[in-house]
């Protein structure tokens, strides 16, 4: 274990600290010694567990934030411990883990006061893709072909509900949060530990991605924190142009046939996607005027789970620093959970509630 602390930091982690994973949760603990100056300052503090495949350079955070717990400064130091939802990085690569002691400045920006980097890499046994994965967009249909989808956990460890999601992102996905728009989704069911589905093929309704976007296929699993990305593959976002009609139904070789669904909400904590039926245009005029107005107003709401920093900062009364904190704290299971972001509170949420959505 290596401890890295900025020269100007008198508040440090003590000798005792660590983490322990238990399924979808992780237990964090640490001795923390606060300086007199920090005890007098009105600042928020937290312990954060980070995972990075390439390791950490200096006291800079890198990779994916796996978990976070808030702590309150105390004279003479304190021993902090808590069980937190674990959001490990997607993929099967071993990760270097680090425990960070972080404070937040008045403008909501995080500042690392101490960083303990653990020597032994951590392996995460998560549902994953095996072999080749391909994604072709033809005539409004996403055709997904996957050599295998496996669950490397113990034999008695069933996965949560698994889904395949295709996203058009602003940049190639690298784990953690993302910004982009949904293209297609298919719910594929539950997979037992030590088992796999082979030669999988899915044909699902798809939206046309924005030109130049980075196309990503994600394997996501339902957990106590909502859907979490377990594995992914990046592709070029150039849809194939063809007059060939799509197959009429989703097809898969796993034990249970997956149901076609529209794209899920872009959050780590969202409800399971539900298939949607498009109504004929001829009936559009039958929708009551009041309902149409409500739909228009709802469209103005900004998503706390998928909006960009600029979109959030454009809301009156929401500083850019708070917008960054909201993005850093994703995903949210409910709009009210945004109060966990530094700089947000119940009063600010009350003023912005009608402008925010999941």
Protein backbone atom coordinates (compact mmCIF):
# COMPACT_ATOMS: atom_id res chain seq x y z
CA UNK A 1 0.00 0.00 0.00
CA UNK A 2 1.25 3.49 -0.92
CA UNK A 3 0.02 6.64 0.80
CA UNK A 4 0.15 9.87 -1.20
CA UNK A 5 -0.74 13.21 0.39
CA UNK A 6 -0.34 16.76 -0.99
CA UNK A 7 2.31 18.80 0.83
CA UNK A 8 -0.24 21.39 1.99
CA UNK A 9 -2.50 18.81 3.64
CA UNK A 10 -2.34 18.39 7.41
CA UNK A 11 -5.48 16.24 7.47
CA UNK A 12 -4.58 12.63 6.66
CA UNK A 13 -5.79 9.06 6.65
CA UNK A 14 -4.61 7.11 9.67
CA UNK A 15 -2.72 3.82 9.63
CA UNK A 16 -5.91 1.75 9.61
CA UNK A 17 -8.12 1.77 6.53
CA UNK A 18 -9.47 -0.64 3.92
CA UNK A 19 -12.37 -2.00 1.91
CA UNK A 20 -14.27 -5.28 1.54
CA UNK A 21 -16.61 -6.26 -1.30
CA UNK A 22 -19.74 -8.27 -0.61
CA UNK A 23 -21.76 -8.84 -3.77
CA UNK A 24 -23.17 -5.52 -4.96
CA UNK A 25 -21.92 -3.70 -1.85
CA UNK A 26 -18.56 -2.61 -0.47
CA UNK A 27 -17.61 -1.86 3.15
CA UNK A 28 -15.29 1.15 3.58
CA UNK A 29 -13.40 2.01 6.76
CA UNK A 30 -10.64 4.42 7.75
CA UNK A 31 -9.05 6.32 10.62
CA UNK A 32 -9.02 10.05 9.75
CA UNK A 33 -7.00 12.69 11.58
CA UNK A 34 -8.17 16.29 11.06
CA UNK A 35 -6.05 19.40 11.47
CA UNK A 36 -7.31 22.28 13.64
CA UNK A 37 -7.67 24.48 10.56
CA UNK A 38 -9.88 21.94 8.82
CA UNK A 39 -11.98 21.47 11.95
CA UNK A 40 -12.75 25.19 11.94
CA UNK A 41 -13.53 25.28 8.22
CA UNK A 42 -17.08 24.67 7.03
CA UNK A 43 -16.36 22.01 4.41
CA UNK A 44 -17.91 18.71 3.35
CA UNK A 45 -15.73 15.58 3.55
CA UNK A 46 -15.97 12.07 2.16
CA UNK A 47 -14.11 8.81 1.63
CA UNK A 48 -14.10 7.60 -1.97
CA UNK A 49 -13.00 4.26 -3.40
CA UNK A 50 -11.56 4.53 -6.93
CA UNK A 51 -10.54 1.86 -9.45
CA UNK A 52 -8.12 2.42 -12.32
CA UNK A 53 -6.63 -0.18 -14.65
CA UNK A 54 -3.38 1.77 -15.12
CA UNK A 55 -2.90 2.88 -11.52
CA UNK A 56 -2.57 6.33 -9.94
CA UNK A 57 0.00 9.07 -10.49
CA UNK A 58 0.52 11.34 -7.49
CA UNK A 59 -2.61 12.43 -5.62
CA UNK A 60 -4.68 12.66 -8.82
CA UNK A 61 -7.90 10.64 -9.04
CA UNK A 62 -8.27 8.47 -12.14
CA UNK A 63 -10.51 5.74 -13.47
CA UNK A 64 -13.95 5.07 -12.00
CA UNK A 65 -15.40 6.04 -8.62
CA UNK A 66 -16.64 2.76 -7.12
CA UNK A 67 -18.18 4.04 -3.88
CA UNK A 68 -18.40 7.09 -1.62
CA UNK A 69 -19.34 7.76 2.01
CA UNK A 70 -19.72 11.14 3.71
CA UNK A 71 -17.82 11.81 6.95
CA UNK A 72 -18.03 14.60 9.55
CA UNK A 73 -14.83 16.18 10.95
CA UNK A 74 -14.18 15.43 14.62
CA UNK A 75 -11.57 16.69 17.03
CA UNK A 76 -9.03 14.03 17.90
CA UNK A 77 -9.80 12.09 14.75
CA UNK A 78 -12.44 9.49 14.00
CA UNK A 79 -12.92 5.96 12.70
CA UNK A 80 -15.36 6.00 9.79
CA UNK A 81 -17.03 2.92 8.36
CA UNK A 82 -20.07 2.26 6.17
CA UNK A 83 -21.62 -0.17 3.69
CA UNK A 84 -22.04 1.46 0.26
CA UNK A 85 -23.46 0.49 -3.11
CA UNK A 86 -20.56 -0.72 -5.26
CA UNK A 87 -20.32 0.49 -8.86
CA UNK A 88 -17.15 -1.19 -10.19
CA UNK A 89 -15.79 -0.39 -13.65
CA UNK A 90 -17.11 -2.37 -16.60
CA UNK A 91 -14.97 -5.03 -18.25
CA UNK A 92 -12.84 -7.91 -17.01
CA UNK A 93 -9.45 -6.20 -16.54
CA UNK A 94 -7.82 -6.23 -13.08
CA UNK A 95 -8.02 -2.84 -11.36
CA UNK A 96 -5.74 -0.93 -9.00
CA UNK A 97 -7.83 0.43 -6.11
CA UNK A 98 -7.27 3.53 -4.03
CA UNK A 99 -9.04 5.08 -1.04
CA UNK A 100 -9.23 8.88 -1.26
CA UNK A 101 -9.88 11.38 1.52
CA UNK A 102 -11.68 14.20 -0.25
CA UNK A 103 -13.02 17.61 0.77
CA UNK A 104 -15.23 19.89 -1.28
CA UNK A 105 -14.46 23.57 -1.73
CA UNK A 106 -17.08 26.33 -1.50
CA UNK A 107 -17.71 26.06 -5.25
CA UNK A 108 -18.39 22.32 -5.00
CA UNK A 109 -15.12 21.09 -6.50
CA UNK A 110 -13.41 18.02 -4.96
CA UNK A 111 -9.92 18.35 -3.45
CA UNK A 112 -7.87 15.26 -2.57
CA UNK A 113 -6.26 15.50 0.87
CA UNK A 114 -4.86 11.96 1.05
CA UNK A 115 -4.79 8.91 -1.19
CA UNK A 116 -4.01 5.33 -0.17
CA UNK A 117 -3.18 3.11 -3.17
CA UNK A 118 -3.45 -0.66 -2.58
CA UNK A 119 -0.75 -2.88 -4.05
CA UNK A 120 -2.83 -5.97 -4.89
CA UNK A 121 -5.01 -5.55 -8.01
CA UNK A 122 -8.72 -6.31 -7.62
CA UNK A 123 -10.58 -8.71 -9.93
CA UNK A 124 -14.33 -8.24 -10.43
CA UNK A 125 -16.38 -11.31 -11.37
CA UNK A 126 -19.13 -9.79 -13.47
CA UNK A 127 -21.32 -10.94 -16.38
CA UNK A 128 -19.34 -10.31 -19.55
CA UNK A 129 -19.09 -10.78 -23.29
CA UNK A 130 -17.05 -13.64 -24.70
CA UNK A 131 -15.48 -13.68 -28.16
CA UNK A 132 -16.72 -11.39 -30.93
CA UNK A 133 -19.50 -8.83 -30.67
CA UNK A 134 -20.98 -7.12 -33.72
CA UNK A 135 -23.66 -4.45 -34.13
CA UNK A 136 -25.28 -3.55 -37.45
CA UNK A 137 -28.00 -0.91 -37.92
CA UNK A 138 -30.28 -1.62 -40.89
CA UNK A 139 -33.67 -0.05 -41.68
CA UNK A 140 -34.42 0.95 -38.09
CA UNK A 141 -33.28 -2.34 -36.58
CA UNK A 142 -30.15 -3.12 -34.55
CA UNK A 143 -28.79 -6.58 -35.29
CA UNK A 144 -26.56 -7.79 -32.46
CA UNK A 145 -24.43 -10.93 -32.80
CA UNK A 146 -22.47 -12.11 -29.77
CA UNK A 147 -20.33 -15.24 -29.52
CA UNK A 148 -21.23 -15.68 -25.85
CA UNK A 149 -22.54 -13.99 -22.72
CA UNK A 150 -21.21 -15.61 -19.54
CA UNK A 151 -21.54 -15.32 -15.77
CA UNK A 152 -18.16 -16.21 -14.16
CA UNK A 153 -19.49 -16.10 -10.60
CA UNK A 154 -20.00 -19.09 -8.31
CA UNK A 155 -22.52 -21.73 -9.35
CA UNK A 156 -25.14 -20.56 -6.82
CA UNK A 157 -24.75 -16.87 -7.75
CA UNK A 158 -27.46 -15.88 -10.21
CA UNK A 159 -27.07 -12.63 -12.09
CA UNK A 160 -29.60 -9.85 -11.82
CA UNK A 161 -31.75 -9.22 -14.89
CA UNK A 162 -29.39 -8.64 -17.81
CA UNK A 163 -29.99 -6.24 -20.68
CA UNK A 164 -28.19 -5.26 -23.87
CA UNK A 165 -28.10 -1.56 -24.63
CA UNK A 166 -26.77 0.25 -27.68
CA UNK A 167 -25.71 3.88 -27.14
CA UNK A 168 -24.51 6.72 -29.34
CA UNK A 169 -21.98 8.54 -27.14
CA UNK A 170 -20.10 11.81 -27.32
CA UNK A 171 -16.84 9.84 -26.93
CA UNK A 172 -15.89 6.13 -26.92
CA UNK A 173 -16.96 4.51 -23.67
CA UNK A 174 -14.23 3.75 -21.12
CA UNK A 175 -16.23 2.71 -18.06
CA UNK A 176 -18.09 4.78 -15.47
CA UNK A 177 -20.60 7.46 -16.49
CA UNK A 178 -21.25 8.70 -20.02
CA UNK A 179 -23.08 11.28 -22.12
CA UNK A 180 -25.06 10.33 -25.19
CA UNK A 181 -28.39 9.10 -26.55
CA UNK A 182 -29.99 5.60 -26.46
CA UNK A 183 -30.25 3.63 -29.71
CA UNK A 184 -31.66 0.19 -28.77
CA UNK A 185 -32.34 -2.09 -25.80
CA UNK A 186 -33.16 -5.78 -25.28
CA UNK A 187 -33.89 -7.47 -21.94
CA UNK A 188 -32.28 -10.93 -22.07
CA UNK A 189 -33.03 -12.46 -18.65
CA UNK A 190 -31.15 -14.01 -15.70
CA UNK A 191 -28.01 -16.16 -16.05
CA UNK A 192 -26.81 -18.71 -13.50
CA UNK A 193 -23.28 -18.66 -12.11
CA UNK A 194 -20.78 -20.65 -14.17
CA UNK A 195 -23.13 -20.65 -17.19
CA UNK A 196 -23.16 -18.91 -20.56
CA UNK A 197 -25.36 -18.28 -23.59
CA UNK A 198 -23.66 -19.07 -26.91
CA UNK A 199 -24.13 -17.83 -30.49
CA UNK A 200 -26.57 -15.10 -29.46
CA UNK A 201 -28.43 -13.03 -32.04
CA UNK A 202 -30.89 -10.20 -31.32
CA UNK A 203 -32.88 -8.01 -33.75
CA UNK A 204 -34.43 -5.04 -31.93
CA UNK A 205 -35.99 -1.72 -32.90
CA UNK A 206 -33.35 1.04 -33.08
CA UNK A 207 -33.19 4.80 -33.31
CA UNK A 208 -30.78 6.30 -35.84
CA UNK A 209 -27.65 7.57 -34.00
CA UNK A 210 -26.32 11.08 -34.49
CA UNK A 211 -23.76 11.21 -37.28
CA UNK A 212 -20.22 10.96 -35.91
CA UNK A 213 -21.28 9.60 -32.51
CA UNK A 214 -19.34 6.76 -30.90
CA UNK A 215 -21.46 3.60 -30.92
CA UNK A 216 -21.22 1.34 -27.85
CA UNK A 217 -22.90 -1.97 -26.97
CA UNK A 218 -23.25 -2.43 -23.20
CA UNK A 219 -24.09 -5.49 -21.11
CA UNK A 220 -25.91 -4.17 -18.04
CA UNK A 221 -27.15 -5.88 -14.88
CA UNK A 222 -29.94 -4.94 -12.48
CA UNK A 223 -28.60 -4.35 -8.94
CA UNK A 224 -29.83 -2.64 -5.74
CA UNK A 225 -28.44 0.57 -7.27
CA UNK A 226 -30.31 0.05 -10.57
CA UNK A 227 -28.82 -1.04 -13.89
CA UNK A 228 -24.99 -1.14 -13.82
CA UNK A 229 -22.74 -1.61 -16.86
CA UNK A 230 -20.77 -4.87 -16.61
CA UNK A 231 -19.09 -5.10 -20.04
CA UNK A 232 -19.01 -3.15 -23.30
CA UNK A 233 -17.66 -2.98 -26.84
CA UNK A 234 -17.09 0.20 -28.89
CA UNK A 235 -17.88 0.48 -32.62
CA UNK A 236 -17.90 3.07 -35.38
CA UNK A 237 -21.33 4.75 -35.60
CA UNK A 238 -21.91 4.31 -39.35
CA UNK A 239 -25.28 2.62 -39.91
CA UNK A 240 -25.43 0.16 -42.81
CA UNK A 241 -27.69 1.35 -45.66
CA UNK A 242 -29.79 -1.49 -47.00
CA UNK A 243 -33.26 -2.15 -48.38
CA UNK A 244 -33.41 -5.53 -46.65
CA UNK A 245 -36.28 -5.60 -44.19
CA UNK A 246 -35.57 -6.45 -40.58
CA UNK A 247 -36.65 -9.75 -39.12
CA UNK A 248 -40.07 -9.41 -37.44
CA UNK A 249 -39.06 -10.68 -34.01
CA UNK A 250 -36.13 -10.77 -31.64
CA UNK A 251 -34.16 -13.96 -31.97
CA UNK A 252 -31.73 -15.41 -29.45
CA UNK A 253 -30.26 -18.77 -28.67
CA UNK A 254 -30.26 -18.46 -24.87
CA UNK A 255 -32.77 -20.66 -23.02
CA UNK A 256 -35.38 -17.91 -22.92
CA UNK A 257 -36.02 -15.67 -25.93
CA UNK A 258 -35.31 -12.00 -25.07
CA UNK A 259 -38.04 -9.44 -25.54
CA UNK A 260 -37.47 -6.49 -27.81
CA UNK A 261 -37.55 -3.14 -26.06
CA UNK A 262 -36.93 0.50 -26.72
CA UNK A 263 -33.79 2.11 -25.33
CA UNK A 264 -33.54 2.38 -21.58
CA UNK A 265 -32.96 5.54 -19.63
CA UNK A 266 -29.23 6.49 -19.54
CA UNK A 267 -28.59 5.96 -15.86
CA UNK A 268 -26.88 3.41 -13.68
CA UNK A 269 -29.99 3.48 -11.52
CA UNK A 270 -33.11 3.23 -13.70
CA UNK A 271 -36.18 1.05 -13.99
CA UNK A 272 -36.21 -1.92 -16.34
CA UNK A 273 -36.98 -0.89 -19.92
CA UNK A 274 -40.49 -1.57 -21.21
CA UNK A 275 -41.40 -2.26 -24.81
CA UNK A 276 -43.23 0.64 -26.47
CA UNK A 277 -45.87 0.61 -29.21
CA UNK A 278 -45.96 3.43 -31.72
CA UNK A 279 -49.46 4.76 -32.44
CA UNK A 280 -50.54 5.54 -36.03
CA UNK A 281 -50.10 9.18 -37.00
CA UNK A 282 -53.76 9.38 -37.95
CA UNK A 283 -54.74 9.21 -34.29
CA UNK A 284 -52.38 11.94 -33.14
CA UNK A 285 -55.12 14.58 -33.41
CA UNK A 286 -57.27 12.64 -30.91
CA UNK A 287 -54.86 13.44 -28.02
CA UNK A 288 -56.48 16.06 -25.72
CA UNK A 289 -54.95 19.53 -25.85
CA UNK A 290 -54.17 19.51 -22.12
CA UNK A 291 -52.14 16.30 -22.44
CA UNK A 292 -50.20 17.76 -25.36
CA UNK A 293 -49.30 20.82 -23.29
CA UNK A 294 -48.13 18.63 -20.40
CA UNK A 295 -45.95 16.61 -22.77
CA UNK A 296 -44.40 19.79 -24.13
CA UNK A 297 -43.64 21.05 -20.64
CA UNK A 298 -42.12 17.69 -19.63
CA UNK A 299 -39.83 17.84 -22.66
CA UNK A 300 -38.26 21.01 -21.23
CA UNK A 301 -37.03 19.15 -18.15
CA UNK A 302 -33.30 18.39 -18.08
CA UNK A 303 -32.18 14.87 -17.22
CA UNK A 304 -29.90 14.67 -14.19
CA UNK A 305 -28.63 11.31 -15.44
CA UNK A 306 -27.82 12.12 -19.06
CA UNK A 307 -27.63 15.92 -19.54
CA UNK A 308 -24.27 17.47 -20.36
CA UNK A 309 -22.55 20.00 -18.11
CA UNK A 310 -23.60 22.85 -20.41
CA UNK A 311 -27.25 21.75 -20.37
CA UNK A 312 -27.34 21.62 -16.59
CA UNK A 313 -25.45 24.91 -16.18
CA UNK A 314 -27.94 26.59 -18.53
CA UNK A 315 -30.65 26.21 -15.85
CA UNK A 316 -31.20 29.48 -14.00
CA UNK A 317 -29.85 29.23 -10.46
CA UNK A 318 -27.62 26.19 -11.10
CA UNK A 319 -23.88 27.10 -11.07
CA UNK A 320 -21.53 25.24 -13.39
CA UNK A 321 -19.64 23.82 -10.39
CA UNK A 322 -22.84 22.24 -9.10
CA UNK A 323 -23.55 20.89 -12.60
CA UNK A 324 -20.15 19.14 -12.49
CA UNK A 325 -20.96 17.73 -9.05
CA UNK A 326 -24.29 16.39 -10.33
CA UNK A 327 -22.53 14.62 -13.20
CA UNK A 328 -19.88 13.21 -10.84
CA UNK A 329 -22.57 11.81 -8.54
CA UNK A 330 -24.44 9.86 -11.19
CA UNK A 331 -26.43 7.66 -11.34
CA UNK A 332 -29.59 8.78 -9.47
CA UNK A 333 -32.59 6.52 -8.81
CA UNK A 334 -34.90 9.49 -8.16
CA UNK A 335 -34.78 13.22 -8.83
CA UNK A 336 -34.64 13.87 -5.08
CA UNK A 337 -31.34 11.94 -4.90
CA UNK A 338 -29.63 14.83 -6.70
CA UNK A 339 -29.44 16.52 -3.29
CA UNK A 340 -26.46 14.21 -2.65
CA UNK A 341 -24.46 16.28 -5.16
CA UNK A 342 -22.25 18.90 -3.56
CA UNK A 343 -23.81 22.35 -3.79
CA UNK A 344 -27.36 21.01 -4.11
CA UNK A 345 -29.86 21.04 -1.28
CA UNK A 346 -33.57 20.81 -0.62
CA UNK A 347 -34.09 24.55 -1.12
CA UNK A 348 -32.26 24.60 -4.45
CA UNK A 349 -34.06 21.42 -5.57
CA UNK A 350 -37.42 22.99 -4.67
CA UNK A 351 -36.66 25.93 -6.99
CA UNK A 352 -35.46 23.69 -9.84
CA UNK A 353 -37.75 20.68 -9.34
CA UNK A 354 -39.98 21.42 -12.35
CA UNK A 355 -36.90 21.75 -14.58
CA UNK A 356 -35.27 18.42 -13.61
CA UNK A 357 -36.03 14.85 -14.60
CA UNK A 358 -34.33 11.44 -14.46
